[in-house]
Amino acid sequence: MVEEVYRAAAAGVLMIHLTWITWVIVGALFTRNRPGLKWFHIGSLLYGIAVETLRFPCPLTMAERWLMVRGGSEPYDEPFLVHYLDLIVYPRIAPEILTWGGLAVCLFNLAIYAKRERFEAPS
């Protein structure tokens, strides 16, 4: 019974993680004329870049792994994106390519903000 609760919690953390990644990828679509969301998204992008380049562990990945162990499942060792996207979307692609792809998405979003600032700045 307790193991099922941990497994359900691990699945919940997985959903939060997927929501977070979706926010990082498409958040710029929802931030126009919303300064609070804009700065939260820019911070999210910078955090994503830091996680990918500095290789520090993501707290959501750590929580999911901890819950998986408590739920009786074998936790994965590789980063979240490599574990799930490599298996589902990108079979047999090197982790470095996923890292560079993630960085490209973050930098592309930051470029959107730079372009907006350039064209929407008050005269």
PDB file of N, CA and C in Angstrom:
ATOM      1  N   MET A   1       0.816  -1.204   0.000  1.00  0.00           N
ATOM      2  CA  MET A   1       0.000   0.000   0.000  1.00  0.00           C
ATOM      3  C   MET A   1       0.858   1.266   0.000  1.00  0.00           C
ATOM      4  N   VAL A   2       1.858   1.293   0.892  1.00  0.00           N
ATOM      5  CA  VAL A   2       2.733   2.457   0.984  1.00  0.00           C
ATOM      6  C   VAL A   2       3.538   2.624  -0.306  1.00  0.00           C
ATOM      7  N   GLU A   3       3.985   1.513  -0.882  1.00  0.00           N
ATOM      8  CA  GLU A   3       4.755   1.592  -2.126  1.00  0.00           C
ATOM      9  C   GLU A   3       3.942   2.222  -3.241  1.00  0.00           C
ATOM     10  N   GLU A   4       2.648   1.932  -3.304  1.00  0.00           N
ATOM     11  CA  GLU A   4       1.802   2.541  -4.341  1.00  0.00           C
ATOM     12  C   GLU A   4       1.715   4.048  -4.183  1.00  0.00           C
ATOM     13  N   VAL A   5       1.695   4.503  -2.940  1.00  0.00           N
ATOM     14  CA  VAL A   5       1.655   5.951  -2.682  1.00  0.00           C
ATOM     15  C   VAL A   5       2.937   6.598  -3.205  1.00  0.00           C
ATOM     16  N   TYR A   6       4.064   5.968  -2.940  1.00  0.00           N
ATOM     17  CA  TYR A   6       5.342   6.504  -3.433  1.00  0.00           C
ATOM     18  C   TYR A   6       5.397   6.482  -4.959  1.00  0.00           C
ATOM     19  N   ARG A   7       4.907   5.408  -5.555  1.00  0.00           N
ATOM     20  CA  ARG A   7       4.888   5.332  -7.023  1.00  0.00           C
ATOM     21  C   ARG A   7       3.990   6.408  -7.618  1.00  0.00           C
ATOM     22  N   ALA A   8       2.841   6.636  -6.999  1.00  0.00           N
ATOM     23  CA  ALA A   8       1.930   7.694  -7.464  1.00  0.00           C
ATOM     24  C   ALA A   8       2.581   9.062  -7.299  1.00  0.00           C
ATOM     25  N   ALA A   9       3.273   9.264  -6.191  1.00  0.00           N
ATOM     26  CA  ALA A   9       3.967  10.539  -5.980  1.00  0.00           C
ATOM     27  C   ALA A   9       5.073  10.724  -7.017  1.00  0.00           C
ATOM     28  N   ALA A  10       5.797   9.651  -7.349  1.00  0.00           N
ATOM     29  CA  ALA A  10       6.833   9.732  -8.386  1.00  0.00           C
ATOM     30  C   ALA A  10       6.211  10.103  -9.729  1.00  0.00           C
ATOM     31  N   ALA A  11       5.048   9.535 -10.034  1.00  0.00           N
ATOM     32  CA  ALA A  11       4.350   9.897 -11.276  1.00  0.00           C
ATOM     33  C   ALA A  11       3.909  11.353 -11.241  1.00  0.00           C
ATOM     34  N   GLY A  12       3.501  11.836 -10.084  1.00  0.00           N
ATOM     35  CA  GLY A  12       3.133  13.245  -9.945  1.00  0.00           C
ATOM     36  C   GLY A  12       4.318  14.166 -10.187  1.00  0.00           C
ATOM     37  N   VAL A  13       5.468  13.792  -9.635  1.00  0.00           N
ATOM     38  CA  VAL A  13       6.681  14.584  -9.868  1.00  0.00           C
ATOM     39  C   VAL A  13       7.045  14.554 -11.351  1.00  0.00           C
ATOM     40  N   LEU A  14       6.865  13.413 -12.000  1.00  0.00           N
ATOM     41  CA  LEU A  14       7.106  13.318 -13.446  1.00  0.00           C
ATOM     42  C   LEU A  14       6.216  14.312 -14.200  1.00  0.00           C
ATOM     43  N   MET A  15       4.962  14.403 -13.829  1.00  0.00           N
ATOM     44  CA  MET A  15       4.035  15.342 -14.497  1.00  0.00           C
ATOM     45  C   MET A  15       4.457  16.791 -14.261  1.00  0.00           C
ATOM     46  N   ILE A  16       4.884  17.099 -13.042  1.00  0.00           N
ATOM     47  CA  ILE A  16       5.373  18.447 -12.737  1.00  0.00           C
ATOM     48  C   ILE A  16       6.603  18.747 -13.582  1.00  0.00           C
ATOM     49  N   HIS A  17       7.478  17.760 -13.700  1.00  0.00           N
ATOM     50  CA  HIS A  17       8.703  17.925 -14.482  1.00  0.00           C
ATOM     51  C   HIS A  17       8.378  18.192 -15.957  1.00  0.00           C
ATOM     52  N   LEU A  18       7.452  17.427 -16.497  1.00  0.00           N
ATOM     53  CA  LEU A  18       7.057  17.630 -17.898  1.00  0.00           C
ATOM     54  C   LEU A  18       6.400  18.998 -18.094  1.00  0.00           C
ATOM     55  N   THR A  19       5.616  19.417 -17.111  1.00  0.00           N
ATOM     56  CA  THR A  19       5.004  20.749 -17.171  1.00  0.00           C
ATOM     57  C   THR A  19       6.077  21.830 -17.145  1.00  0.00           C
ATOM     58  N   TRP A  20       7.064  21.660 -16.290  1.00  0.00           N
ATOM     59  CA  TRP A  20       8.167  22.619 -16.197  1.00  0.00           C
ATOM     60  C   TRP A  20       8.910  22.715 -17.539  1.00  0.00           C
ATOM     61  N   ILE A  21       9.217  21.584 -18.125  1.00  0.00           N
ATOM     62  CA  ILE A  21       9.939  21.578 -19.402  1.00  0.00           C
ATOM     63  C   ILE A  21       9.095  22.239 -20.488  1.00  0.00           C
ATOM     64  N   THR A  22       7.807  21.976 -20.487  1.00  0.00           N
ATOM     65  CA  THR A  22       6.915  22.622 -21.455  1.00  0.00           C
ATOM     66  C   THR A  22       6.933  24.136 -21.258  1.00  0.00           C
ATOM     67  N   TRP A  23       6.894  24.567 -20.006  1.00  0.00           N
ATOM     68  CA  TRP A  23       6.974  26.006 -19.691  1.00  0.00           C
ATOM     69  C   TRP A  23       8.259  26.609 -20.245  1.00  0.00           C
ATOM     70  N   VAL A  24       9.375  25.927 -20.033  1.00  0.00           N
ATOM     71  CA  VAL A  24      10.663  26.438 -20.530  1.00  0.00           C
ATOM     72  C   VAL A  24      10.640  26.543 -22.053  1.00  0.00           C
ATOM     73  N   ILE A  25      10.076  25.560 -22.720  1.00  0.00           N
ATOM     74  CA  ILE A  25      10.080  25.540 -24.184  1.00  0.00           C
ATOM     75  C   ILE A  25       9.148  26.585 -24.782  1.00  0.00           C
ATOM     76  N   VAL A  26       7.929  26.704 -24.272  1.00  0.00           N
ATOM     77  CA  VAL A  26       6.930  27.563 -24.929  1.00  0.00           C
ATOM     78  C   VAL A  26       6.467  28.741 -24.075  1.00  0.00           C
ATOM     79  N   GLY A  27       7.091  28.957 -22.935  1.00  0.00           N
ATOM     80  CA  GLY A  27       6.652  30.023 -22.037  1.00  0.00           C
ATOM     81  C   GLY A  27       6.638  31.406 -22.661  1.00  0.00           C
ATOM     82  N   ALA A  28       7.528  31.660 -23.600  1.00  0.00           N
ATOM     83  CA  ALA A  28       7.580  32.985 -24.240  1.00  0.00           C
ATOM     84  C   ALA A  28       6.272  33.312 -24.956  1.00  0.00           C
ATOM     85  N   LEU A  29       5.518  32.306 -25.333  1.00  0.00           N
ATOM     86  CA  LEU A  29       4.234  32.546 -26.002  1.00  0.00           C
ATOM     87  C   LEU A  29       3.203  33.179 -25.058  1.00  0.00           C
ATOM     88  N   PHE A  30       3.407  33.045 -23.756  1.00  0.00           N
ATOM     89  CA  PHE A  30       2.424  33.498 -22.774  1.00  0.00           C
ATOM     90  C   PHE A  30       2.868  34.722 -21.979  1.00  0.00           C
ATOM     91  N   THR A  31       4.008  35.291 -22.320  1.00  0.00           N
ATOM     92  CA  THR A  31       4.568  36.343 -21.471  1.00  0.00           C
ATOM     93  C   THR A  31       4.418  37.760 -22.017  1.00  0.00           C
ATOM     94  N   ARG A  32       3.956  37.905 -23.238  1.00  0.00           N
ATOM     95  CA  ARG A  32       3.821  39.246 -23.819  1.00  0.00           C
ATOM     96  C   ARG A  32       2.871  40.074 -22.958  1.00  0.00           C
ATOM     97  N   ASN A  33       3.303  41.280 -22.620  1.00  0.00           N
ATOM     98  CA  ASN A  33       2.553  42.220 -21.780  1.00  0.00           C
ATOM     99  C   ASN A  33       2.274  41.679 -20.376  1.00  0.00           C
ATOM    100  N   ARG A  34       3.077  40.759 -19.945  1.00  0.00           N
ATOM    101  CA  ARG A  34       2.980  40.205 -18.583  1.00  0.00           C
ATOM    102  C   ARG A  34       4.382  40.187 -17.971  1.00  0.00           C
ATOM    103  N   PRO A  35       4.811  41.325 -17.423  1.00  0.00           N
ATOM    104  CA  PRO A  35       6.199  41.428 -16.948  1.00  0.00           C
ATOM    105  C   PRO A  35       6.570  40.388 -15.884  1.00  0.00           C
ATOM    106  N   GLY A  36       5.653  40.077 -14.980  1.00  0.00           N
ATOM    107  CA  GLY A  36       5.969  39.075 -13.954  1.00  0.00           C
ATOM    108  C   GLY A  36       6.257  37.719 -14.549  1.00  0.00           C
ATOM    109  N   LEU A  37       5.400  37.283 -15.484  1.00  0.00           N
ATOM    110  CA  LEU A  37       5.625  36.010 -16.157  1.00  0.00           C
ATOM    111  C   LEU A  37       6.880  36.055 -17.017  1.00  0.00           C
ATOM    112  N   LYS A  38       7.106  37.195 -17.652  1.00  0.00           N
ATOM    113  CA  LYS A  38       8.293  37.336 -18.511  1.00  0.00           C
ATOM    114  C   LYS A  38       9.560  37.075 -17.700  1.00  0.00           C
ATOM    115  N   TRP A  39       9.684  37.727 -16.543  1.00  0.00           N
ATOM    116  CA  TRP A  39      10.901  37.574 -15.751  1.00  0.00           C
ATOM    117  C   TRP A  39      10.988  36.182 -15.126  1.00  0.00           C
ATOM    118  N   PHE A  40       9.846  35.602 -14.789  1.00  0.00           N
ATOM    119  CA  PHE A  40       9.858  34.225 -14.296  1.00  0.00           C
ATOM    120  C   PHE A  40      10.327  33.271 -15.394  1.00  0.00           C
ATOM    121  N   HIS A  41       9.880  33.508 -16.632  1.00  0.00           N
ATOM    122  CA  HIS A  41      10.295  32.645 -17.734  1.00  0.00           C
ATOM    123  C   HIS A  41      11.770  32.838 -18.050  1.00  0.00           C
ATOM    124  N   ILE A  42      12.241  34.063 -18.045  1.00  0.00           N
ATOM    125  CA  ILE A  42      13.673  34.312 -18.287  1.00  0.00           C
ATOM    126  C   ILE A  42      14.501  33.615 -17.204  1.00  0.00           C
ATOM    127  N   GLY A  43      14.061  33.704 -15.954  1.00  0.00           N
ATOM    128  CA  GLY A  43      14.753  32.982 -14.880  1.00  0.00           C
ATOM    129  C   GLY A  43      14.718  31.480 -15.099  1.00  0.00           C
ATOM    130  N   SER A  44      13.582  30.984 -15.577  1.00  0.00           N
ATOM    131  CA  SER A  44      13.451  29.552 -15.880  1.00  0.00           C
ATOM    132  C   SER A  44      14.432  29.135 -16.963  1.00  0.00           C
ATOM    133  N   LEU A  45      14.580  29.975 -17.977  1.00  0.00           N
ATOM    134  CA  LEU A  45      15.516  29.682 -19.064  1.00  0.00           C
ATOM    135  C   LEU A  45      16.952  29.674 -18.550  1.00  0.00           C
ATOM    136  N   LEU A  46      17.305  30.658 -17.745  1.00  0.00           N
ATOM    137  CA  LEU A  46      18.662  30.720 -17.201  1.00  0.00           C
ATOM    138  C   LEU A  46      18.932  29.517 -16.293  1.00  0.00           C
ATOM    139  N   TYR A  47      17.936  29.129 -15.528  1.00  0.00           N
ATOM    140  CA  TYR A  47      18.068  27.939 -14.688  1.00  0.00           C
ATOM    141  C   TYR A  47      18.272  26.698 -15.565  1.00  0.00           C
ATOM    142  N   GLY A  48      17.495  26.579 -16.639  1.00  0.00           N
ATOM    143  CA  GLY A  48      17.645  25.452 -17.551  1.00  0.00           C
ATOM    144  C   GLY A  48      19.032  25.396 -18.171  1.00  0.00           C
ATOM    145  N   ILE A  49      19.549  26.548 -18.561  1.00  0.00           N
ATOM    146  CA  ILE A  49      20.903  26.613 -19.119  1.00  0.00           C
ATOM    147  C   ILE A  49      21.921  26.173 -18.067  1.00  0.00           C
ATOM    148  N   ALA A  50      21.747  26.645 -16.834  1.00  0.00           N
ATOM    149  CA  ALA A  50      22.681  26.281 -15.766  1.00  0.00           C
ATOM    150  C   ALA A  50      22.640  24.779 -15.487  1.00  0.00           C
ATOM    151  N   VAL A  51      21.447  24.200 -15.439  1.00  0.00           N
ATOM    152  CA  VAL A  51      21.333  22.760 -15.177  1.00  0.00           C
ATOM    153  C   VAL A  51      22.029  21.968 -16.283  1.00  0.00           C
ATOM    154  N   GLU A  52      21.844  22.396 -17.524  1.00  0.00           N
ATOM    155  CA  GLU A  52      22.441  21.670 -18.649  1.00  0.00           C
ATOM    156  C   GLU A  52      23.957  21.845 -18.723  1.00  0.00           C
ATOM    157  N   THR A  53      24.447  23.043 -18.458  1.00  0.00           N
ATOM    158  CA  THR A  53      25.883  23.293 -18.643  1.00  0.00           C
ATOM    159  C   THR A  53      26.719  23.001 -17.399  1.00  0.00           C
ATOM    160  N   LEU A  54      26.186  23.271 -16.224  1.00  0.00           N
ATOM    161  CA  LEU A  54      26.958  23.079 -14.990  1.00  0.00           C
ATOM    162  C   LEU A  54      26.766  21.692 -14.390  1.00  0.00           C
ATOM    163  N   ARG A  55      25.794  20.965 -14.927  1.00  0.00           N
ATOM    164  CA  ARG A  55      25.547  19.566 -14.544  1.00  0.00           C
ATOM    165  C   ARG A  55      25.200  19.402 -13.056  1.00  0.00           C
ATOM    166  N   PHE A  56      24.574  20.415 -12.462  1.00  0.00           N
ATOM    167  CA  PHE A  56      24.122  20.166 -11.097  1.00  0.00           C
ATOM    168  C   PHE A  56      22.763  19.490 -11.146  1.00  0.00           C
ATOM    169  N   PRO A  57      22.475  18.683 -10.124  1.00  0.00           N
ATOM    170  CA  PRO A  57      21.260  17.861 -10.185  1.00  0.00           C
ATOM    171  C   PRO A  57      19.987  18.702 -10.068  1.00  0.00           C
ATOM    172  N   CYS A  58      19.003  18.328 -10.846  1.00  0.00           N
ATOM    173  CA  CYS A  58      17.696  18.976 -10.801  1.00  0.00           C
ATOM    174  C   CYS A  58      16.932  18.443  -9.585  1.00  0.00           C
ATOM    175  N   PRO A  59      16.352  19.310  -8.770  1.00  0.00           N
ATOM    176  CA  PRO A  59      15.609  18.825  -7.598  1.00  0.00           C
ATOM    177  C   PRO A  59      14.414  17.944  -7.965  1.00  0.00           C
ATOM    178  N   LEU A  60      13.784  18.183  -9.102  1.00  0.00           N
ATOM    179  CA  LEU A  60      12.662  17.334  -9.510  1.00  0.00           C
ATOM    180  C   LEU A  60      13.142  15.921  -9.855  1.00  0.00           C
ATOM    181  N   THR A  61      14.283  15.821 -10.521  1.00  0.00           N
ATOM    182  CA  THR A  61      14.844  14.511 -10.840  1.00  0.00           C
ATOM    183  C   THR A  61      15.222  13.780  -9.552  1.00  0.00           C
ATOM    184  N   MET A  62      15.846  14.507  -8.630  1.00  0.00           N
ATOM    185  CA  MET A  62      16.228  13.890  -7.357  1.00  0.00           C
ATOM    186  C   MET A  62      14.996  13.402  -6.594  1.00  0.00           C
ATOM    187  N   ALA A  63      13.928  14.209  -6.581  1.00  0.00           N
ATOM    188  CA  ALA A  63      12.700  13.813  -5.887  1.00  0.00           C
ATOM    189  C   ALA A  63      12.082  12.583  -6.538  1.00  0.00           C
ATOM    190  N   GLU A  64      12.044  12.585  -7.867  1.00  0.00           N
ATOM    191  CA  GLU A  64      11.456  11.433  -8.564  1.00  0.00           C
ATOM    192  C   GLU A  64      12.236  10.157  -8.265  1.00  0.00           C
ATOM    193  N   ARG A  65      13.554  10.237  -8.315  1.00  0.00           N
ATOM    194  CA  ARG A  65      14.371   9.053  -8.030  1.00  0.00           C
ATOM    195  C   ARG A  65      14.160   8.561  -6.603  1.00  0.00           C
ATOM    196  N   TRP A  66      14.113   9.483  -5.650  1.00  0.00           N
ATOM    197  CA  TRP A  66      13.914   9.129  -4.247  1.00  0.00           C
ATOM    198  C   TRP A  66      12.579   8.413  -4.076  1.00  0.00           C
ATOM    199  N   LEU A  67      11.535   8.957  -4.697  1.00  0.00           N
ATOM    200  CA  LEU A  67      10.209   8.348  -4.604  1.00  0.00           C
ATOM    201  C   LEU A  67      10.162   6.986  -5.300  1.00  0.00           C
ATOM    202  N   MET A  68      10.887   6.854  -6.404  1.00  0.00           N
ATOM    203  CA  MET A  68      10.924   5.571  -7.108  1.00  0.00           C
ATOM    204  C   MET A  68      11.529   4.484  -6.216  1.00  0.00           C
ATOM    205  N   VAL A  69      12.621   4.817  -5.536  1.00  0.00           N
ATOM    206  CA  VAL A  69      13.264   3.843  -4.641  1.00  0.00           C
ATOM    207  C   VAL A  69      12.294   3.448  -3.537  1.00  0.00           C
ATOM    208  N   ARG A  70      11.631   4.430  -2.922  1.00  0.00           N
ATOM    209  CA  ARG A  70      10.667   4.139  -1.847  1.00  0.00           C
ATOM    210  C   ARG A  70       9.475   3.341  -2.371  1.00  0.00           C
ATOM    211  N   GLY A  71       9.177   3.484  -3.654  1.00  0.00           N
ATOM    212  CA  GLY A  71       8.061   2.757  -4.252  1.00  0.00           C
ATOM    213  C   GLY A  71       8.441   1.392  -4.778  1.00  0.00           C
ATOM    214  N   GLY A  72       9.700   1.019  -4.598  1.00  0.00           N
ATOM    215  CA  GLY A  72      10.137  -0.301  -5.018  1.00  0.00           C
ATOM    216  C   GLY A  72      10.579  -0.391  -6.467  1.00  0.00           C
ATOM    217  N   SER A  73      10.751   0.747  -7.133  1.00  0.00           N
ATOM    218  CA  SER A  73      11.203   0.763  -8.534  1.00  0.00           C
ATOM    219  C   SER A  73      12.692   1.060  -8.584  1.00  0.00           C
ATOM    220  N   GLU A  74      13.299   0.642  -9.661  1.00  0.00           N
ATOM    221  CA  GLU A  74      14.713   0.937  -9.897  1.00  0.00           C
ATOM    222  C   GLU A  74      14.822   2.346 -10.482  1.00  0.00           C
ATOM    223  N   PRO A  75      15.518   3.273  -9.800  1.00  0.00           N
ATOM    224  CA  PRO A  75      15.639   4.632 -10.348  1.00  0.00           C
ATOM    225  C   PRO A  75      16.606   4.665 -11.526  1.00  0.00           C
ATOM    226  N   TYR A  76      16.419   5.623 -12.389  1.00  0.00           N
ATOM    227  CA  TYR A  76      17.329   5.785 -13.521  1.00  0.00           C
ATOM    228  C   TYR A  76      18.534   6.616 -13.078  1.00  0.00           C
ATOM    229  N   ASP A  77      19.669   6.432 -13.759  1.00  0.00           N
ATOM    230  CA  ASP A  77      20.908   7.111 -13.389  1.00  0.00           C
ATOM    231  C   ASP A  77      21.198   8.345 -14.230  1.00  0.00           C
ATOM    232  N   GLU A  78      20.714   8.362 -15.446  1.00  0.00           N
ATOM    233  CA  GLU A  78      21.026   9.472 -16.351  1.00  0.00           C
ATOM    234  C   GLU A  78      20.103  10.665 -16.068  1.00  0.00           C
ATOM    235  N   PRO A  79      20.418  11.830 -16.641  1.00  0.00           N
ATOM    236  CA  PRO A  79      19.538  12.992 -16.464  1.00  0.00           C
ATOM    237  C   PRO A  79      18.124  12.718 -16.992  1.00  0.00           C
ATOM    238  N   PHE A  80      17.166  13.473 -16.485  1.00  0.00           N
ATOM    239  CA  PHE A  80      15.746  13.315 -16.820  1.00  0.00           C
ATOM    240  C   PHE A  80      15.512  13.290 -18.324  1.00  0.00           C
ATOM    241  N   LEU A  81      16.025  14.297 -19.042  1.00  0.00           N
ATOM    242  CA  LEU A  81      15.789  14.376 -20.490  1.00  0.00           C
ATOM    243  C   LEU A  81      16.338  13.166 -21.214  1.00  0.00           C
ATOM    244  N   VAL A  82      17.515  12.756 -20.831  1.00  0.00           N
ATOM    245  CA  VAL A  82      18.124  11.598 -21.480  1.00  0.00           C
ATOM    246  C   VAL A  82      17.277  10.364 -21.210  1.00  0.00           C
ATOM    247  N   HIS A  83      16.857  10.191 -19.976  1.00  0.00           N
ATOM    248  CA  HIS A  83      16.092   8.990 -19.613  1.00  0.00           C
ATOM    249  C   HIS A  83      14.767   8.911 -20.363  1.00  0.00           C
ATOM    250  N   TYR A  84      13.981   9.981 -20.322  1.00  0.00           N
ATOM    251  CA  TYR A  84      12.648   9.909 -20.911  1.00  0.00           C
ATOM    252  C   TYR A  84      12.622  10.223 -22.399  1.00  0.00           C
ATOM    253  N   LEU A  85      13.260  11.301 -22.799  1.00  0.00           N
ATOM    254  CA  LEU A  85      13.186  11.676 -24.219  1.00  0.00           C
ATOM    255  C   LEU A  85      14.006  10.745 -25.091  1.00  0.00           C
ATOM    256  N   ASP A  86      15.114  10.279 -24.584  1.00  0.00           N
ATOM    257  CA  ASP A  86      15.924   9.358 -25.373  1.00  0.00           C
ATOM    258  C   ASP A  86      15.146   8.068 -25.624  1.00  0.00           C
ATOM    259  N   LEU A  87      14.425   7.615 -24.626  1.00  0.00           N
ATOM    260  CA  LEU A  87      13.660   6.377 -24.783  1.00  0.00           C
ATOM    261  C   LEU A  87      12.421   6.562 -25.651  1.00  0.00           C
ATOM    262  N   ILE A  88      11.769   7.709 -25.529  1.00  0.00           N
ATOM    263  CA  ILE A  88      10.477   7.918 -26.188  1.00  0.00           C
ATOM    264  C   ILE A  88      10.629   8.607 -27.541  1.00  0.00           C
ATOM    265  N   VAL A  89      11.328   9.724 -27.541  1.00  0.00           N
ATOM    266  CA  VAL A  89      11.337  10.581 -28.726  1.00  0.00           C
ATOM    267  C   VAL A  89      12.610  10.429 -29.554  1.00  0.00           C
ATOM    268  N   TYR A  90      13.721  10.279 -28.891  1.00  0.00           N
ATOM    269  CA  TYR A  90      15.006  10.285 -29.584  1.00  0.00           C
ATOM    270  C   TYR A  90      15.778   8.986 -29.346  1.00  0.00           C
ATOM    271  N   PRO A  91      15.309   7.886 -29.854  1.00  0.00           N
ATOM    272  CA  PRO A  91      16.036   6.644 -29.603  1.00  0.00           C
ATOM    273  C   PRO A  91      17.450   6.681 -30.188  1.00  0.00           C
ATOM    274  N   ARG A  92      18.383   6.217 -29.388  1.00  0.00           N
ATOM    275  CA  ARG A  92      19.794   6.068 -29.794  1.00  0.00           C
ATOM    276  C   ARG A  92      20.458   7.384 -30.198  1.00  0.00           C
ATOM    277  N   ILE A  93      20.138   8.452 -29.515  1.00  0.00           N
ATOM    278  CA  ILE A  93      20.812   9.733 -29.744  1.00  0.00           C
ATOM    279  C   ILE A  93      21.694  10.016 -28.537  1.00  0.00           C
ATOM    280  N   ALA A  94      22.888  10.497 -28.796  1.00  0.00           N
ATOM    281  CA  ALA A  94      23.848  10.757 -27.730  1.00  0.00           C
ATOM    282  C   ALA A  94      23.311  11.815 -26.765  1.00  0.00           C
ATOM    283  N   PRO A  95      23.577  11.650 -25.467  1.00  0.00           N
ATOM    284  CA  PRO A  95      23.130  12.629 -24.473  1.00  0.00           C
ATOM    285  C   PRO A  95      23.622  14.046 -24.766  1.00  0.00           C
ATOM    286  N   GLU A  96      24.793  14.163 -25.369  1.00  0.00           N
ATOM    287  CA  GLU A  96      25.328  15.487 -25.680  1.00  0.00           C
ATOM    288  C   GLU A  96      24.423  16.222 -26.678  1.00  0.00           C
ATOM    289  N   ILE A  97      23.843  15.482 -27.602  1.00  0.00           N
ATOM    290  CA  ILE A  97      22.945  16.102 -28.577  1.00  0.00           C
ATOM    291  C   ILE A  97      21.687  16.610 -27.876  1.00  0.00           C
ATOM    292  N   LEU A  98      21.164  15.845 -26.921  1.00  0.00           N
ATOM    293  CA  LEU A  98      20.010  16.315 -26.150  1.00  0.00           C
ATOM    294  C   LEU A  98      20.359  17.568 -25.355  1.00  0.00           C
ATOM    295  N   THR A  99      21.555  17.585 -24.776  1.00  0.00           N
ATOM    296  CA  THR A  99      21.990  18.759 -24.014  1.00  0.00           C
ATOM    297  C   THR A  99      22.069  19.975 -24.918  1.00  0.00           C
ATOM    298  N   TRP A 100      22.698  19.827 -26.067  1.00  0.00           N
ATOM    299  CA  TRP A 100      22.809  20.956 -27.005  1.00  0.00           C
ATOM    300  C   TRP A 100      21.431  21.389 -27.514  1.00  0.00           C
ATOM    301  N   GLY A 101      20.549  20.438 -27.727  1.00  0.00           N
ATOM    302  CA  GLY A 101      19.187  20.783 -28.146  1.00  0.00           C
ATOM    303  C   GLY A 101      18.464  21.582 -27.080  1.00  0.00           C
ATOM    304  N   GLY A 102      18.599  21.170 -25.828  1.00  0.00           N
ATOM    305  CA  GLY A 102      17.995  21.912 -24.722  1.00  0.00           C
ATOM    306  C   GLY A 102      18.553  23.312 -24.605  1.00  0.00           C
ATOM    307  N   LEU A 103      19.861  23.429 -24.764  1.00  0.00           N
ATOM    308  CA  LEU A 103      20.484  24.759 -24.737  1.00  0.00           C
ATOM    309  C   LEU A 103      19.990  25.613 -25.893  1.00  0.00           C
ATOM    310  N   ALA A 104      19.855  25.022 -27.056  1.00  0.00           N
ATOM    311  CA  ALA A 104      19.375  25.775 -28.223  1.00  0.00           C
ATOM    312  C   ALA A 104      17.968  26.313 -27.985  1.00  0.00           C
ATOM    313  N   VAL A 105      17.104  25.494 -27.383  1.00  0.00           N
ATOM    314  CA  VAL A 105      15.735  25.938 -27.091  1.00  0.00           C
ATOM    315  C   VAL A 105      15.759  27.115 -26.125  1.00  0.00           C
ATOM    316  N   CYS A 106      16.559  27.024 -25.078  1.00  0.00           N
ATOM    317  CA  CYS A 106      16.649  28.117 -24.108  1.00  0.00           C
ATOM    318  C   CYS A 106      17.193  29.387 -24.750  1.00  0.00           C
ATOM    319  N   LEU A 107      18.243  29.261 -25.531  1.00  0.00           N
ATOM    320  CA  LEU A 107      18.826  30.430 -26.187  1.00  0.00           C
ATOM    321  C   LEU A 107      17.868  31.034 -27.209  1.00  0.00           C
ATOM    322  N   PHE A 108      17.122  30.209 -27.912  1.00  0.00           N
ATOM    323  CA  PHE A 108      16.130  30.700 -28.857  1.00  0.00           C
ATOM    324  C   PHE A 108      15.071  31.531 -28.138  1.00  0.00           C
ATOM    325  N   ASN A 109      14.607  31.037 -26.990  1.00  0.00           N
ATOM    326  CA  ASN A 109      13.632  31.790 -26.207  1.00  0.00           C
ATOM    327  C   ASN A 109      14.208  33.114 -25.722  1.00  0.00           C
ATOM    328  N   LEU A 110      15.455  33.104 -25.274  1.00  0.00           N
ATOM    329  CA  LEU A 110      16.083  34.359 -24.846  1.00  0.00           C
ATOM    330  C   LEU A 110      16.207  35.331 -26.017  1.00  0.00           C
ATOM    331  N   ALA A 111      16.456  34.817 -27.212  1.00  0.00           N
ATOM    332  CA  ALA A 111      16.518  35.669 -28.400  1.00  0.00           C
ATOM    333  C   ALA A 111      15.159  36.306 -28.688  1.00  0.00           C
ATOM    334  N   ILE A 112      14.079  35.574 -28.428  1.00  0.00           N
ATOM    335  CA  ILE A 112      12.733  36.144 -28.588  1.00  0.00           C
ATOM    336  C   ILE A 112      12.577  37.349 -27.682  1.00  0.00           C
ATOM    337  N   TYR A 113      13.020  37.231 -26.435  1.00  0.00           N
ATOM    338  CA  TYR A 113      12.923  38.357 -25.503  1.00  0.00           C
ATOM    339  C   TYR A 113      13.786  39.525 -25.951  1.00  0.00           C
ATOM    340  N   ALA A 114      14.979  39.235 -26.438  1.00  0.00           N
ATOM    341  CA  ALA A 114      15.860  40.309 -26.912  1.00  0.00           C
ATOM    342  C   ALA A 114      15.212  41.040 -28.083  1.00  0.00           C
ATOM    343  N   LYS A 115      14.610  40.292 -28.993  1.00  0.00           N
ATOM    344  CA  LYS A 115      13.948  40.907 -30.144  1.00  0.00           C
ATOM    345  C   LYS A 115      12.754  41.742 -29.690  1.00  0.00           C
ATOM    346  N   ARG A 116      11.972  41.231 -28.766  1.00  0.00           N
ATOM    347  CA  ARG A 116      10.832  41.989 -28.248  1.00  0.00           C
ATOM    348  C   ARG A 116      11.284  43.300 -27.627  1.00  0.00           C
ATOM    349  N   GLU A 117      12.335  43.240 -26.832  1.00  0.00           N
ATOM    350  CA  GLU A 117      12.840  44.457 -26.172  1.00  0.00           C
ATOM    351  C   GLU A 117      13.306  45.476 -27.203  1.00  0.00           C
ATOM    352  N   ARG A 118      13.933  44.988 -28.238  1.00  0.00           N
ATOM    353  CA  ARG A 118      14.454  45.882 -29.282  1.00  0.00           C
ATOM    354  C   ARG A 118      13.345  46.587 -30.012  1.00  0.00           C
ATOM    355  N   PHE A 119      12.261  45.862 -30.338  1.00  0.00           N
ATOM    356  CA  PHE A 119      11.176  46.426 -31.141  1.00  0.00           C
ATOM    357  C   PHE A 119      10.053  47.035 -30.317  1.00  0.00           C
ATOM    358  N   GLU A 120       9.977  46.699 -29.033  1.00  0.00           N
ATOM    359  CA  GLU A 120       8.880  47.225 -28.217  1.00  0.00           C
ATOM    360  C   GLU A 120       9.350  48.256 -27.215  1.00  0.00           C
ATOM    361  N   ALA A 121      10.629  48.585 -27.234  1.00  0.00           N
ATOM    362  CA  ALA A 121      11.147  49.575 -26.288  1.00  0.00           C
ATOM    363  C   ALA A 121      10.528  50.938 -26.592  1.00  0.00           C
ATOM    364  N   PRO A 122      10.128  51.683 -25.529  1.00  0.00           N
ATOM    365  CA  PRO A 122       9.549  53.004 -25.754  1.00  0.00           C
ATOM    366  C   PRO A 122      10.570  53.962 -26.366  1.00  0.00           C
ATOM    367  N   SER A 123      10.098  54.823 -27.236  1.00  0.00           N
ATOM    368  CA  SER A 123      10.987  55.766 -27.930  1.00  0.00           C
ATOM    369  C   SER A 123      11.317  56.954 -27.072  1.00  0.00           C
TER     370      SER A 123
END
